[in-house]
Amino acid sequence: MRILFILFILFNTALGFSQEAVFSINESVYKFPKTIEGVVLEHTFVFTNTGTVPLFINDFAVACTCTKVIYSKDPILPGKSGTVKIIFDTNGKYEYQDREILLSVNTKKKTVKLRFKVFVIPKED
């Protein structure tokens, strides 16, 4: 009986460790076309939770306040999709811009990196 109990505990523990959320995305880098300074750019990344438990985006980090991030606060259930919308204000930005958004998530890696690139043409005074 004791061996059966131990096997039951080990089996349940093994199943518990294999359950995780998985952030799956086809396009983690987006390239905007050349843009004149002052334009506000927007792009929406679409991802799917291919894991076995709900996926949560807990927080995000960006390099400057010129980049805004909008994401669902609700859990993304297994097999379902969610979005991360980025809004980039090019005002005061010049030439090649390569920006990262770090998402804090409940996946095995704990963070997901999204990027966007754009060449900003300075506006003439």
N, C-alpha and C. Protein backbone atom coordinates (compact mmCIF):
# COMPACT_ATOMS: atom_id res chain seq x y z
N MET A 1 0.82 -1.19 0.00
CA MET A 1 0.00 0.00 0.00
C MET A 1 0.87 1.26 0.00
N ARG A 2 1.95 1.23 0.77
CA ARG A 2 2.84 2.37 0.85
C ARG A 2 3.49 2.64 -0.51
N ILE A 3 3.89 1.60 -1.23
CA ILE A 3 4.50 1.76 -2.55
C ILE A 3 3.50 2.39 -3.52
N LEU A 4 2.26 1.96 -3.44
CA LEU A 4 1.23 2.52 -4.30
C LEU A 4 1.04 4.01 -4.02
N PHE A 5 1.05 4.39 -2.77
CA PHE A 5 0.92 5.80 -2.38
C PHE A 5 2.10 6.62 -2.91
N ILE A 6 3.30 6.11 -2.78
CA ILE A 6 4.50 6.80 -3.27
C ILE A 6 4.44 6.96 -4.79
N LEU A 7 4.02 5.92 -5.50
CA LEU A 7 3.89 6.00 -6.96
C LEU A 7 2.84 7.04 -7.35
N PHE A 8 1.75 7.10 -6.61
CA PHE A 8 0.71 8.09 -6.88
C PHE A 8 1.25 9.51 -6.72
N ILE A 9 1.99 9.76 -5.66
CA ILE A 9 2.58 11.08 -5.42
C ILE A 9 3.58 11.42 -6.52
N LEU A 10 4.46 10.51 -6.89
CA LEU A 10 5.44 10.76 -7.95
C LEU A 10 4.77 11.04 -9.28
N PHE A 11 3.73 10.29 -9.61
CA PHE A 11 3.01 10.49 -10.87
C PHE A 11 2.36 11.87 -10.91
N ASN A 12 1.70 12.27 -9.85
CA ASN A 12 1.06 13.59 -9.80
C ASN A 12 2.08 14.72 -9.83
N THR A 13 3.22 14.53 -9.20
CA THR A 13 4.27 15.54 -9.22
C THR A 13 4.82 15.68 -10.63
N ALA A 14 5.04 14.60 -11.32
CA ALA A 14 5.56 14.65 -12.69
C ALA A 14 4.57 15.36 -13.61
N LEU A 15 3.29 15.11 -13.45
CA LEU A 15 2.29 15.79 -14.27
C LEU A 15 2.27 17.28 -13.96
N GLY A 16 2.39 17.64 -12.71
CA GLY A 16 2.37 19.04 -12.30
C GLY A 16 3.52 19.82 -12.89
N PHE A 17 4.69 19.22 -13.00
CA PHE A 17 5.84 19.92 -13.54
C PHE A 17 5.76 20.09 -15.06
N SER A 18 5.01 19.25 -15.73
CA SER A 18 4.94 19.34 -17.19
C SER A 18 3.89 20.35 -17.65
N GLN A 19 3.10 20.88 -16.75
CA GLN A 19 2.07 21.83 -17.12
C GLN A 19 2.66 23.23 -17.10
N GLU A 20 2.57 23.89 -18.25
CA GLU A 20 3.08 25.26 -18.32
C GLU A 20 2.40 26.00 -19.46
N ALA A 21 2.45 27.30 -19.36
CA ALA A 21 1.98 28.16 -20.44
C ALA A 21 3.12 28.30 -21.45
N VAL A 22 2.78 28.41 -22.73
CA VAL A 22 3.79 28.58 -23.78
C VAL A 22 3.36 29.73 -24.67
N PHE A 23 4.20 30.76 -24.75
CA PHE A 23 3.95 31.94 -25.58
C PHE A 23 4.49 31.66 -26.97
N SER A 24 3.59 31.40 -27.92
CA SER A 24 4.00 31.07 -29.30
C SER A 24 3.62 32.21 -30.23
N ILE A 25 4.62 32.68 -30.99
CA ILE A 25 4.38 33.79 -31.89
C ILE A 25 5.17 33.55 -33.18
N ASN A 26 4.54 33.85 -34.30
CA ASN A 26 5.22 33.68 -35.59
C ASN A 26 6.15 34.85 -35.91
N GLU A 27 5.80 36.03 -35.43
CA GLU A 27 6.53 37.24 -35.76
C GLU A 27 6.88 37.99 -34.48
N SER A 28 8.09 37.81 -33.98
CA SER A 28 8.49 38.51 -32.76
C SER A 28 9.24 39.80 -33.07
N VAL A 29 9.55 40.04 -34.36
CA VAL A 29 10.20 41.27 -34.80
C VAL A 29 9.36 41.85 -35.93
N TYR A 30 9.01 43.15 -35.82
CA TYR A 30 8.24 43.81 -36.86
C TYR A 30 9.03 44.99 -37.38
N LYS A 31 9.05 45.13 -38.71
CA LYS A 31 9.77 46.24 -39.33
C LYS A 31 8.77 47.18 -39.99
N PHE A 32 8.70 48.41 -39.48
CA PHE A 32 7.87 49.43 -40.08
C PHE A 32 8.56 49.98 -41.33
N PRO A 33 7.79 50.51 -42.27
CA PRO A 33 8.41 51.19 -43.41
C PRO A 33 9.06 52.51 -42.94
N LYS A 34 9.93 53.08 -43.76
CA LYS A 34 10.54 54.37 -43.42
C LYS A 34 9.43 55.36 -43.09
N THR A 35 9.67 56.14 -42.05
CA THR A 35 8.64 57.03 -41.52
C THR A 35 9.22 58.40 -41.25
N ILE A 36 8.43 59.43 -41.51
CA ILE A 36 8.85 60.80 -41.21
C ILE A 36 8.66 61.06 -39.72
N GLU A 37 9.63 61.72 -39.11
CA GLU A 37 9.58 62.05 -37.68
C GLU A 37 8.25 62.74 -37.33
N GLY A 38 7.70 62.37 -36.19
CA GLY A 38 6.47 62.96 -35.70
C GLY A 38 5.26 62.05 -35.88
N VAL A 39 5.39 61.03 -36.69
CA VAL A 39 4.29 60.09 -36.91
C VAL A 39 4.22 59.11 -35.73
N VAL A 40 3.02 58.79 -35.32
CA VAL A 40 2.82 57.78 -34.27
C VAL A 40 2.53 56.46 -34.96
N LEU A 41 3.38 55.47 -34.70
CA LEU A 41 3.25 54.16 -35.34
C LEU A 41 2.57 53.18 -34.39
N GLU A 42 1.80 52.26 -34.96
CA GLU A 42 1.14 51.22 -34.16
C GLU A 42 1.30 49.88 -34.85
N HIS A 43 1.48 48.86 -34.04
CA HIS A 43 1.51 47.48 -34.54
C HIS A 43 0.98 46.56 -33.44
N THR A 44 0.25 45.53 -33.88
CA THR A 44 -0.28 44.55 -32.93
C THR A 44 0.35 43.19 -33.19
N PHE A 45 1.04 42.68 -32.20
CA PHE A 45 1.59 41.33 -32.26
C PHE A 45 0.49 40.36 -31.81
N VAL A 46 0.33 39.26 -32.52
CA VAL A 46 -0.66 38.24 -32.16
C VAL A 46 0.11 36.99 -31.73
N PHE A 47 -0.26 36.43 -30.59
CA PHE A 47 0.40 35.23 -30.08
C PHE A 47 -0.66 34.22 -29.65
N THR A 48 -0.22 32.98 -29.46
CA THR A 48 -1.11 31.91 -29.02
C THR A 48 -0.49 31.21 -27.82
N ASN A 49 -1.32 30.84 -26.88
CA ASN A 49 -0.87 30.03 -25.75
C ASN A 49 -0.95 28.57 -26.19
N THR A 50 0.19 27.97 -26.52
CA THR A 50 0.21 26.57 -26.93
C THR A 50 0.54 25.65 -25.75
N GLY A 51 0.48 26.19 -24.56
CA GLY A 51 0.74 25.39 -23.37
C GLY A 51 -0.53 24.74 -22.84
N THR A 52 -0.43 24.25 -21.61
CA THR A 52 -1.53 23.49 -21.01
C THR A 52 -2.21 24.21 -19.85
N VAL A 53 -1.72 25.39 -19.50
CA VAL A 53 -2.33 26.19 -18.43
C VAL A 53 -2.49 27.62 -18.95
N PRO A 54 -3.34 28.43 -18.31
CA PRO A 54 -3.53 29.81 -18.76
C PRO A 54 -2.22 30.61 -18.75
N LEU A 55 -2.10 31.49 -19.74
CA LEU A 55 -0.92 32.36 -19.89
C LEU A 55 -1.26 33.74 -19.36
N PHE A 56 -0.39 34.29 -18.52
CA PHE A 56 -0.57 35.62 -17.97
C PHE A 56 0.59 36.51 -18.40
N ILE A 57 0.26 37.72 -18.85
CA ILE A 57 1.28 38.76 -19.02
C ILE A 57 1.19 39.60 -17.77
N ASN A 58 2.25 39.59 -16.97
CA ASN A 58 2.23 40.27 -15.68
C ASN A 58 2.67 41.71 -15.75
N ASP A 59 3.61 42.01 -16.66
CA ASP A 59 4.18 43.36 -16.73
C ASP A 59 4.99 43.47 -18.01
N PHE A 60 5.52 44.64 -18.27
CA PHE A 60 6.38 44.85 -19.43
C PHE A 60 7.44 45.89 -19.10
N ALA A 61 8.48 45.92 -19.92
CA ALA A 61 9.53 46.93 -19.77
C ALA A 61 9.90 47.44 -21.16
N VAL A 62 10.08 48.76 -21.27
CA VAL A 62 10.52 49.41 -22.50
C VAL A 62 11.64 50.39 -22.14
N ALA A 63 12.42 50.78 -23.16
CA ALA A 63 13.57 51.65 -22.91
C ALA A 63 13.18 53.11 -22.65
N CYS A 64 12.08 53.56 -23.26
CA CYS A 64 11.70 54.96 -23.05
C CYS A 64 10.19 55.12 -23.10
N THR A 65 9.72 56.28 -22.67
CA THR A 65 8.29 56.54 -22.63
C THR A 65 7.70 56.78 -24.02
N CYS A 66 8.53 56.80 -25.05
CA CYS A 66 8.03 56.96 -26.42
C CYS A 66 7.32 55.69 -26.89
N THR A 67 7.46 54.60 -26.18
CA THR A 67 6.81 53.33 -26.55
C THR A 67 5.76 52.97 -25.50
N LYS A 68 4.53 52.84 -25.96
CA LYS A 68 3.42 52.42 -25.10
C LYS A 68 3.07 50.97 -25.45
N VAL A 69 2.64 50.22 -24.46
CA VAL A 69 2.28 48.82 -24.67
C VAL A 69 0.89 48.58 -24.08
N ILE A 70 0.03 47.96 -24.89
CA ILE A 70 -1.33 47.62 -24.45
C ILE A 70 -1.49 46.11 -24.63
N TYR A 71 -1.86 45.43 -23.56
CA TYR A 71 -2.03 43.98 -23.63
C TYR A 71 -3.20 43.57 -22.74
N SER A 72 -3.70 42.39 -22.98
CA SER A 72 -4.83 41.88 -22.21
C SER A 72 -4.39 41.55 -20.79
N LYS A 73 -5.15 41.99 -19.85
CA LYS A 73 -4.89 41.67 -18.44
C LYS A 73 -5.51 40.32 -18.07
N ASP A 74 -6.42 39.84 -18.93
CA ASP A 74 -7.08 38.56 -18.69
C ASP A 74 -6.16 37.41 -19.08
N PRO A 75 -6.30 36.26 -18.44
CA PRO A 75 -5.48 35.10 -18.82
C PRO A 75 -5.83 34.63 -20.23
N ILE A 76 -4.83 34.15 -20.95
CA ILE A 76 -5.03 33.57 -22.27
C ILE A 76 -5.08 32.06 -22.07
N LEU A 77 -6.24 31.48 -22.30
CA LEU A 77 -6.42 30.05 -22.06
C LEU A 77 -5.66 29.22 -23.08
N PRO A 78 -5.33 27.97 -22.75
CA PRO A 78 -4.63 27.09 -23.69
C PRO A 78 -5.36 27.02 -25.03
N GLY A 79 -4.60 27.18 -26.11
CA GLY A 79 -5.18 27.12 -27.45
C GLY A 79 -5.76 28.43 -27.95
N LYS A 80 -5.85 29.42 -27.09
CA LYS A 80 -6.42 30.72 -27.46
C LYS A 80 -5.32 31.72 -27.79
N SER A 81 -5.71 32.80 -28.46
CA SER A 81 -4.76 33.83 -28.86
C SER A 81 -4.99 35.12 -28.10
N GLY A 82 -3.94 35.91 -28.03
CA GLY A 82 -3.99 37.22 -27.40
C GLY A 82 -3.19 38.21 -28.23
N THR A 83 -3.19 39.46 -27.82
CA THR A 83 -2.48 40.50 -28.57
C THR A 83 -1.65 41.38 -27.64
N VAL A 84 -0.60 41.93 -28.23
CA VAL A 84 0.21 42.95 -27.58
C VAL A 84 0.33 44.08 -28.61
N LYS A 85 -0.27 45.22 -28.29
CA LYS A 85 -0.23 46.36 -29.20
C LYS A 85 0.85 47.33 -28.74
N ILE A 86 1.69 47.75 -29.68
CA ILE A 86 2.72 48.74 -29.36
C ILE A 86 2.39 50.03 -30.10
N ILE A 87 2.64 51.14 -29.44
CA ILE A 87 2.45 52.47 -30.01
C ILE A 87 3.76 53.21 -29.82
N PHE A 88 4.37 53.64 -30.93
CA PHE A 88 5.68 54.28 -30.89
C PHE A 88 5.58 55.69 -31.44
N ASP A 89 5.91 56.68 -30.63
CA ASP A 89 5.90 58.08 -31.03
C ASP A 89 7.28 58.43 -31.58
N THR A 90 7.36 58.75 -32.86
CA THR A 90 8.65 59.03 -33.50
C THR A 90 9.12 60.46 -33.29
N ASN A 91 8.33 61.27 -32.62
CA ASN A 91 8.71 62.66 -32.39
C ASN A 91 10.04 62.73 -31.62
N GLY A 92 11.01 63.42 -32.18
CA GLY A 92 12.32 63.54 -31.54
C GLY A 92 13.23 62.35 -31.77
N LYS A 93 12.79 61.41 -32.58
CA LYS A 93 13.61 60.22 -32.89
C LYS A 93 14.15 60.37 -34.31
N TYR A 94 15.37 59.93 -34.51
CA TYR A 94 16.01 60.11 -35.81
C TYR A 94 16.69 58.83 -36.25
N GLU A 95 16.66 58.59 -37.53
CA GLU A 95 17.35 57.50 -38.19
C GLU A 95 16.90 56.14 -37.67
N TYR A 96 17.83 55.19 -37.62
CA TYR A 96 17.48 53.80 -37.34
C TYR A 96 17.09 53.61 -35.87
N GLN A 97 15.90 53.09 -35.64
CA GLN A 97 15.41 52.79 -34.30
C GLN A 97 15.15 51.28 -34.19
N ASP A 98 15.70 50.67 -33.19
CA ASP A 98 15.53 49.24 -32.93
C ASP A 98 15.13 49.11 -31.47
N ARG A 99 13.86 48.85 -31.22
CA ARG A 99 13.32 48.88 -29.85
C ARG A 99 12.87 47.50 -29.41
N GLU A 100 13.02 47.25 -28.11
CA GLU A 100 12.61 45.97 -27.51
C GLU A 100 11.52 46.20 -26.48
N ILE A 101 10.62 45.26 -26.42
CA ILE A 101 9.61 45.20 -25.38
C ILE A 101 9.81 43.88 -24.66
N LEU A 102 10.07 43.92 -23.37
CA LEU A 102 10.23 42.70 -22.58
C LEU A 102 8.95 42.47 -21.79
N LEU A 103 8.33 41.34 -22.04
CA LEU A 103 7.11 40.97 -21.34
C LEU A 103 7.44 39.99 -20.22
N SER A 104 6.89 40.24 -19.06
CA SER A 104 7.02 39.32 -17.93
C SER A 104 5.82 38.38 -17.99
N VAL A 105 6.09 37.08 -18.18
CA VAL A 105 5.03 36.09 -18.38
C VAL A 105 5.25 34.87 -17.48
N ASN A 106 4.24 34.04 -17.38
CA ASN A 106 4.32 32.84 -16.54
C ASN A 106 4.71 31.61 -17.36
N THR A 107 5.70 31.77 -18.22
CA THR A 107 6.21 30.65 -19.01
C THR A 107 7.51 30.15 -18.38
N LYS A 108 8.07 29.11 -18.96
CA LYS A 108 9.31 28.54 -18.43
C LYS A 108 10.45 29.57 -18.42
N LYS A 109 10.54 30.40 -19.48
CA LYS A 109 11.62 31.40 -19.56
C LYS A 109 11.34 32.65 -18.75
N LYS A 110 10.12 32.91 -18.36
CA LYS A 110 9.69 34.05 -17.54
C LYS A 110 9.62 35.38 -18.29
N THR A 111 10.34 35.52 -19.42
CA THR A 111 10.25 36.75 -20.20
C THR A 111 10.15 36.41 -21.69
N VAL A 112 9.49 37.30 -22.41
CA VAL A 112 9.38 37.20 -23.86
C VAL A 112 9.84 38.54 -24.41
N LYS A 113 10.65 38.50 -25.47
CA LYS A 113 11.14 39.72 -26.08
C LYS A 113 10.46 39.93 -27.43
N LEU A 114 9.84 41.10 -27.60
CA LEU A 114 9.31 41.53 -28.88
C LEU A 114 10.14 42.73 -29.33
N ARG A 115 10.30 42.87 -30.65
CA ARG A 115 11.10 43.98 -31.17
C ARG A 115 10.39 44.63 -32.35
N PHE A 116 10.69 45.91 -32.53
CA PHE A 116 10.29 46.56 -33.76
C PHE A 116 11.42 47.47 -34.22
N LYS A 117 11.46 47.67 -35.54
CA LYS A 117 12.50 48.48 -36.15
C LYS A 117 11.85 49.48 -37.09
N VAL A 118 12.47 50.64 -37.19
CA VAL A 118 11.98 51.66 -38.13
C VAL A 118 13.11 52.64 -38.41
N PHE A 119 13.15 53.13 -39.63
CA PHE A 119 14.06 54.22 -39.98
C PHE A 119 13.23 55.49 -39.99
N VAL A 120 13.59 56.45 -39.12
CA VAL A 120 12.85 57.69 -38.99
C VAL A 120 13.60 58.79 -39.73
N ILE A 121 12.89 59.39 -40.69
CA ILE A 121 13.45 60.48 -41.48
C ILE A 121 13.19 61.79 -40.73
N PRO A 122 14.25 62.55 -40.36
CA PRO A 122 14.03 63.79 -39.63
C PRO A 122 13.18 64.76 -40.46
N LYS A 123 12.21 65.39 -39.79
CA LYS A 123 11.40 66.37 -40.52
C LYS A 123 12.21 67.65 -40.68
N GLU A 124 11.93 68.31 -41.76
CA GLU A 124 12.67 69.54 -42.05
C GLU A 124 11.99 70.70 -41.36
N ASP A 125 12.79 71.58 -40.80
CA ASP A 125 12.24 72.75 -40.08
C ASP A 125 11.78 73.83 -41.02
